[in-house]
Protein backbone atom coordinates (compact mmCIF):
# COMPACT_ATOMS: atom_id res chain seq x y z
CA MET A 1 -6.35 22.57 93.73
CA ASN A 2 -5.45 25.92 95.54
CA LYS A 3 -3.26 28.51 93.93
CA SER A 4 0.39 28.12 95.06
CA VAL A 5 3.26 30.46 95.65
CA PHE A 6 6.92 29.68 96.17
CA VAL A 7 8.92 32.33 98.32
CA THR A 8 12.68 32.17 98.69
CA GLY A 9 14.33 33.46 101.78
CA ALA A 10 11.02 33.19 103.70
CA THR A 11 11.90 31.89 107.15
CA ASN A 12 11.80 35.43 108.80
CA GLY A 13 11.59 39.16 108.09
CA THR A 14 10.36 40.29 104.55
CA GLY A 15 10.22 36.83 103.07
CA LEU A 16 8.05 35.43 105.93
CA ALA A 17 5.76 38.47 105.72
CA ILE A 18 5.29 37.72 101.93
CA ALA A 19 4.57 34.12 102.43
CA GLU A 20 2.03 35.04 105.12
CA ARG A 21 0.45 37.66 102.85
CA PHE A 22 -0.33 34.85 100.31
CA ALA A 23 -1.34 32.40 102.96
CA LYS A 24 -3.97 34.99 104.17
CA GLU A 25 -5.48 34.73 100.70
CA GLY A 26 -5.66 30.90 100.74
CA TYR A 27 -2.64 30.08 98.73
CA THR A 28 -0.62 26.93 99.23
CA VAL A 29 2.79 28.23 100.27
CA PHE A 30 6.20 26.72 99.48
CA ILE A 31 9.06 28.13 101.41
CA GLY A 32 12.75 28.02 100.47
CA SER A 33 15.76 28.54 102.74
CA ARG A 34 19.38 27.70 102.81
CA ARG A 35 18.57 26.09 106.25
CA GLY A 36 16.25 23.30 105.61
CA GLU A 37 15.09 22.95 109.22
CA ASP A 38 14.14 26.70 109.34
CA SER A 39 12.01 26.45 106.14
CA LYS A 40 10.11 23.39 107.65
CA ALA A 41 9.59 25.30 110.92
CA ALA A 42 8.33 28.39 108.91
CA ALA A 43 5.96 26.15 106.95
CA GLU A 44 4.54 24.57 110.00
CA LYS A 45 3.96 27.98 111.49
CA ILE A 46 2.04 29.10 108.46
CA MET A 47 -0.16 25.92 108.41
CA GLU A 48 -1.02 26.37 112.05
CA LYS A 49 -1.82 30.10 111.80
CA TYR A 50 -3.63 30.23 108.37
CA GLY A 51 -4.90 26.68 107.94
CA VAL A 52 -3.37 26.31 104.43
CA PHE A 53 -0.93 23.71 103.23
CA ALA A 54 2.70 24.80 103.38
CA LYS A 55 5.95 22.96 102.84
CA GLY A 56 9.59 24.02 103.35
CA TYR A 57 12.60 23.28 101.18
CA GLN A 58 16.39 23.52 101.56
CA THR A 59 17.60 25.63 98.67
CA ASP A 60 21.21 25.18 97.57
CA ILE A 61 22.44 28.27 95.90
CA PHE A 62 23.42 27.94 92.24
CA ASN A 63 22.71 24.20 92.23
CA GLU A 64 20.46 23.51 89.13
CA GLU A 65 19.76 19.84 90.29
CA ASN A 66 18.50 21.20 93.62
CA VAL A 67 16.20 23.62 91.77
CA LYS A 68 14.81 20.89 89.46
CA ALA A 69 14.17 18.64 92.32
CA ILE A 70 12.23 21.20 94.23
CA PHE A 71 9.93 21.92 91.28
CA GLU A 72 9.59 18.17 90.52
CA ASP A 73 8.42 17.74 94.11
CA ILE A 74 5.87 20.61 93.88
CA ARG A 75 4.56 18.90 90.63
CA SER A 76 4.40 15.42 92.33
CA GLN A 77 1.94 16.99 94.91
CA GLY A 78 -0.37 18.06 92.09
CA TYR A 79 0.75 21.62 91.72
CA LEU A 80 1.70 23.87 88.79
CA LEU A 81 3.18 26.90 90.49
CA GLU A 82 1.09 30.07 90.23
CA THR A 83 3.45 32.61 91.73
CA LEU A 84 7.19 32.63 92.34
CA VAL A 85 8.61 35.44 94.65
CA LEU A 86 12.44 35.69 94.63
CA ASN A 87 13.34 37.34 97.84
CA ALA A 88 16.61 35.64 98.91
CA ALA A 89 19.72 37.60 98.20
CA ASN A 90 23.49 37.76 98.76
CA LEU A 91 24.04 41.21 100.25
CA GLY A 92 27.64 41.33 99.46
CA ILE A 93 28.37 43.56 102.46
CA GLY A 94 31.84 44.96 103.00
CA GLN A 95 33.22 44.12 99.49
CA VAL A 96 35.68 46.90 98.94
CA SER A 97 36.03 47.17 95.21
CA LEU A 98 39.82 47.42 94.96
CA GLU A 99 40.30 44.50 97.40
CA VAL A 100 37.44 42.18 96.96
CA ASP A 101 38.23 38.40 96.22
CA MET A 102 36.70 37.72 92.89
CA ASN A 103 35.12 34.47 94.08
CA ASP A 104 33.26 36.52 96.69
CA PHE A 105 32.22 39.01 94.05
CA MET A 106 30.99 36.39 91.75
CA ASN A 107 29.14 34.59 94.59
CA VAL A 108 26.80 37.62 94.73
CA TYR A 109 26.04 37.23 91.07
CA ASN A 110 25.70 33.43 91.43
CA THR A 111 22.88 34.06 93.93
CA ASN A 112 21.18 37.23 92.73
CA ILE A 113 21.38 36.51 88.95
CA GLY A 114 22.30 32.77 88.18
CA TRP A 115 20.33 31.18 90.80
CA ASN A 116 17.26 33.48 90.52
CA PHE A 117 17.28 32.70 86.76
CA MET A 118 17.38 28.96 87.44
CA MET A 119 14.48 29.34 89.95
CA ALA A 120 12.34 31.52 87.46
CA ARG A 121 13.02 29.21 84.47
CA GLU A 122 11.87 26.11 86.29
CA ALA A 123 8.83 27.93 87.57
CA ALA A 124 8.00 29.19 84.17
CA LYS A 125 8.05 25.67 82.67
CA GLN A 126 5.06 24.88 85.06
CA MET A 127 3.35 28.24 84.43
CA LYS A 128 3.58 27.72 80.71
CA GLU A 129 1.48 24.53 80.92
CA LYS A 130 -1.47 26.37 82.27
CA HIS A 131 -0.66 29.58 80.30
CA LYS A 132 -0.62 31.69 83.58
CA GLY A 133 1.88 32.65 86.20
CA SER A 134 3.62 35.52 87.86
CA ILE A 135 7.26 35.98 88.77
CA VAL A 136 8.10 38.68 91.34
CA PHE A 137 11.69 39.81 92.01
CA ILE A 138 12.46 41.57 95.29
CA THR A 139 15.17 43.85 94.33
CA SER A 140 16.27 47.16 95.78
CA ASN A 141 16.38 50.90 95.13
CA SER A 142 20.08 50.30 95.29
CA ALA A 143 19.54 49.12 91.66
CA GLN A 144 19.18 52.74 90.73
CA ARG A 145 21.26 54.69 93.30
CA VAL A 146 24.21 52.89 94.75
CA THR A 147 25.86 52.82 98.08
CA GLU A 148 29.51 52.61 98.98
CA ASN A 149 31.35 49.36 98.88
CA ARG A 150 28.40 47.40 97.43
CA CYS A 151 29.40 47.09 93.86
CA ALA A 152 28.47 43.49 93.35
CA TYR A 153 25.17 43.87 95.22
CA CYS A 154 24.02 47.10 93.64
CA SER A 155 25.00 46.07 90.04
CA SER A 156 23.43 42.55 90.41
CA LYS A 157 20.19 44.16 91.69
CA SER A 158 20.24 46.47 88.61
CA ALA A 159 20.75 43.49 86.38
CA ILE A 160 17.68 41.84 87.92
CA LEU A 161 15.58 44.75 86.42
CA ALA A 162 16.75 43.92 82.94
CA MET A 163 16.42 40.23 83.55
CA SER A 164 12.78 40.70 84.66
CA LYS A 165 11.89 42.76 81.54
CA SER A 166 13.51 40.16 79.37
CA MET A 167 11.33 37.39 81.05
CA ALA A 168 8.32 39.70 80.64
CA VAL A 169 9.03 39.92 76.76
CA ASP A 170 10.08 36.36 76.33
CA TRP A 171 7.55 34.58 78.30
CA GLY A 172 4.46 36.85 77.86
CA LYS A 173 3.18 34.73 75.13
CA TYR A 174 2.95 31.90 77.71
CA GLY A 175 0.73 33.90 80.02
CA ILE A 176 3.65 34.63 82.33
CA ARG A 177 4.27 38.06 83.87
CA SER A 178 7.52 39.29 85.50
CA ASN A 179 7.78 42.38 87.69
CA CYS A 180 10.16 43.85 90.41
CA VAL A 181 9.56 45.35 93.77
CA LEU A 182 12.27 47.89 94.73
CA PRO A 183 12.39 48.37 98.56
CA GLY A 184 14.49 50.85 100.35
CA MET A 185 15.38 50.79 104.07
CA ILE A 186 13.29 48.17 105.94
CA LYS A 187 12.87 47.89 109.63
CA THR A 188 15.06 44.91 110.06
CA ILE A 189 17.40 44.15 113.02
CA ARG A 190 20.14 46.21 111.07
CA TRP A 191 17.80 49.21 111.07
CA GLU A 192 17.10 48.72 114.80
CA GLU A 193 20.68 48.58 115.71
CA ASN A 194 21.50 51.75 113.89
CA VAL A 195 18.47 53.83 114.16
CA ASN A 196 20.24 56.96 115.55
CA ASN A 197 23.50 56.48 113.47
CA THR A 198 23.29 58.91 110.71
CA LYS A 199 26.40 57.44 109.07
CA TYR A 200 24.51 54.13 108.29
CA CYS A 201 20.89 55.22 108.27
CA LEU A 202 20.81 58.27 105.94
CA ALA A 203 18.13 56.39 104.11
CA ASN A 204 15.93 56.99 107.21
CA TYR A 205 15.49 60.51 106.16
CA THR A 206 12.65 59.83 103.71
CA PRO A 207 10.11 62.47 102.53
CA ILE A 208 7.39 60.70 104.58
CA GLU A 209 9.61 60.44 107.67
CA ASP A 210 9.28 56.65 107.82
CA ILE A 211 10.71 53.54 106.20
CA ALA A 212 9.09 50.11 105.30
CA GLU A 213 7.63 47.63 107.56
CA PHE A 214 7.94 43.96 106.30
CA GLU A 215 4.22 44.07 105.49
CA ASP A 216 4.65 46.96 103.13
CA ILE A 217 6.94 44.95 100.86
CA ALA A 218 4.70 41.98 101.26
CA ASN A 219 1.77 43.96 100.04
CA ALA A 220 3.66 44.94 96.82
CA ALA A 221 4.65 41.38 96.24
CA TRP A 222 0.97 40.41 96.56
CA TYR A 223 -0.07 43.05 94.07
CA PHE A 224 2.39 41.69 91.42
CA GLY A 225 2.01 38.06 92.33
CA SER A 226 -1.85 38.03 92.08
CA ASP A 227 -4.52 38.85 89.60
CA GLU A 228 -4.70 42.27 90.97
CA SER A 229 -1.84 43.17 88.45
CA ARG A 230 -3.18 40.98 85.59
CA ASN A 231 -2.30 43.55 82.91
CA THR A 232 1.10 44.63 84.39
CA THR A 233 4.32 43.06 83.38
CA GLY A 234 8.01 44.33 82.91
CA ALA A 235 7.35 46.91 85.65
CA GLU A 236 8.79 48.17 88.80
CA LEU A 237 7.22 49.23 92.09
CA VAL A 238 9.45 51.38 94.38
CA VAL A 239 8.59 50.95 98.17
CA ASP A 240 11.19 53.27 99.71
CA GLY A 241 9.12 56.16 101.41
CA GLY A 242 10.07 58.40 98.52
CA MET A 243 13.72 58.18 98.97
CA LEU A 244 14.59 57.82 95.25
CA ALA A 245 12.38 60.88 94.44
CA GLN A 246 14.61 63.28 96.41
CA LEU A 247 17.82 64.62 95.42
CA THR A 248 19.03 65.78 98.83
CA PRO A 249 17.54 64.33 102.07
CA ASN A 250 16.61 66.81 104.81
CA ILE A 251 19.15 65.69 107.38
CA GLU A 252 18.44 68.70 109.62
CA ARG A 253 15.42 67.16 111.11
CA GLU A 254 15.60 64.78 114.04
CA LEU A 255 15.20 61.15 113.36
CA TRP A 256 12.11 59.49 114.82
CA LYS A 257 12.47 57.60 118.05
């Protein structure tokens, strides 16, 4: 049976690029999305393009029964998951700290911490059976340097770093590794819409004068998720063009077109 990977939030953008990166290497690909029809469509696209088996699932955030059902279905098809990439996130945009509703605040944690833990734990139960597996969290450089009005998001992404280390320590004896990828700005639609807006795109001023493509994050996820990193666990890989390395960006230079 082929090696298998489950990628959350994998119907477009970074998540889809990650799923395709593993498909290129011959992995069976399982895709999760809050929109079941979108996950099925993405799986069909991957099967047609790469000739591997792929299947899409609807993921219900913070629903433990849904998580268990997904992994039971994976098992029923003869797989014990090899790699789990946790890419989906609640971005918590626009939550002004003094005004945010506590339910909205905690929903960010329910997704980024609680639900990710549920997913990782169920995956780990399968990985334990064969004494091998890799869990990869797609977190953010916002885990280390925060942005305004993103308290829930930034603090939850920081918490993921500690959660990943805990999994690395607790589950290492079962052959399970856990690591984090920390992207910075990525060339998403949000970036395209604000490319010349210095108020929102200060992160564009990276030392290498560029920001990440989807494939840059996918390559980092592949490294952690595959045997290329067999002796690496509890680690973090920053993919942000050097943004975290600099104290003050050079805002005098012109942004690229």
